[in-house]
Protein backbone atom coordinates (compact mmCIF):
# COMPACT_ATOMS: atom_id res chain seq x y z
CA MET A 1 -18.10 -110.28 168.41
CA THR A 2 -19.13 -109.26 164.91
CA THR A 3 -16.69 -108.08 162.26
CA SER A 4 -18.05 -104.55 162.53
CA GLU A 5 -17.50 -104.54 166.31
CA VAL A 6 -13.94 -105.79 165.83
CA LEU A 7 -13.35 -103.08 163.22
CA THR A 8 -14.76 -100.41 165.52
CA GLU A 9 -12.44 -101.37 168.35
CA GLN A 10 -9.45 -101.81 166.05
CA ALA A 11 -9.99 -98.44 164.37
CA LEU A 12 -10.19 -96.76 167.77
CA SER A 13 -7.07 -98.57 168.93
CA LEU A 14 -5.11 -97.61 165.83
CA ALA A 15 -6.27 -94.00 166.03
CA SER A 16 -5.38 -93.70 169.70
CA ALA A 17 -1.92 -95.11 168.94
CA GLY A 18 -1.46 -92.47 166.25
CA ALA A 19 -1.46 -95.03 163.42
CA VAL A 20 -3.24 -93.11 160.68
CA GLY A 21 -1.20 -94.06 157.61
CA GLU A 22 -1.20 -96.71 154.95
CA GLU A 23 -0.35 -99.55 157.32
CA ALA A 24 -3.35 -98.80 159.53
CA VAL A 25 -5.69 -98.73 156.52
CA LEU A 26 -4.30 -102.02 155.23
CA GLU A 27 -4.69 -103.62 158.65
CA LEU A 28 -8.34 -102.58 158.80
CA LEU A 29 -8.89 -103.71 155.22
CA THR A 30 -7.52 -107.13 156.11
CA THR A 31 -9.63 -107.36 159.25
CA SER A 32 -12.75 -106.43 157.30
CA GLY A 33 -12.25 -109.35 154.95
CA GLU A 34 -13.17 -106.78 152.31
CA HIS A 35 -16.78 -106.85 153.54
CA ARG A 36 -18.05 -103.35 152.85
CA VAL A 37 -21.12 -103.75 155.09
CA ALA A 38 -18.95 -104.46 158.14
CA VAL A 39 -16.90 -101.32 157.50
CA VAL A 40 -20.03 -99.22 157.00
CA ARG A 41 -21.55 -100.52 160.25
CA ALA A 42 -18.31 -99.85 162.16
CA ARG A 43 -18.24 -96.33 160.73
CA GLN A 44 -21.87 -95.76 161.74
CA ALA A 45 -21.12 -96.93 165.28
CA LEU A 46 -18.22 -94.50 165.51
CA LEU A 47 -20.28 -91.64 164.08
CA ALA A 48 -22.93 -92.30 166.73
CA ARG A 49 -20.22 -92.08 169.39
CA SER A 50 -18.84 -88.87 167.91
CA THR A 51 -22.08 -87.03 168.73
CA ASP A 52 -21.68 -87.86 172.42
CA PRO A 53 -20.36 -85.02 174.60
CA GLY A 54 -17.41 -87.20 175.68
CA SER A 55 -16.29 -87.78 172.09
CA ASN A 56 -12.71 -86.91 171.20
CA ASP A 57 -10.34 -86.63 168.25
CA THR A 58 -9.54 -90.35 168.44
CA THR A 59 -13.10 -91.20 167.40
CA LYS A 60 -12.91 -88.77 164.49
CA GLN A 61 -9.57 -90.21 163.38
CA ALA A 62 -11.01 -93.72 163.57
CA VAL A 63 -13.86 -92.64 161.27
CA GLU A 64 -11.30 -91.20 158.85
CA LEU A 65 -9.43 -94.52 158.84
CA LEU A 66 -12.62 -96.37 157.99
CA ASP A 67 -13.37 -93.81 155.27
CA ALA A 68 -9.99 -94.64 153.73
CA VAL A 69 -10.85 -98.34 153.87
CA LEU A 70 -14.20 -97.73 152.14
CA ILE A 71 -12.45 -95.92 149.29
CA ARG A 72 -10.51 -99.11 148.55
CA LEU A 73 -13.50 -101.44 148.60
CA PRO A 74 -15.69 -102.10 145.55
CA VAL A 75 -19.17 -100.65 145.70
């Protein structure tokens, strides 16, 4: 499993558990190893899912978590 796949699943898991605060962002930041590309790819995968008819708020919250991680990473 790639880092981006792990991040995708972890972001979904955290969002479905209602973990949307600082701790969730830090957990994802740690998992990413501060590799911006992995976070971007995970975010893209979630955005692709969010256009599916079966998409829900959990997917959108997971994207928001990854957005918060990206803010903390250097460009």
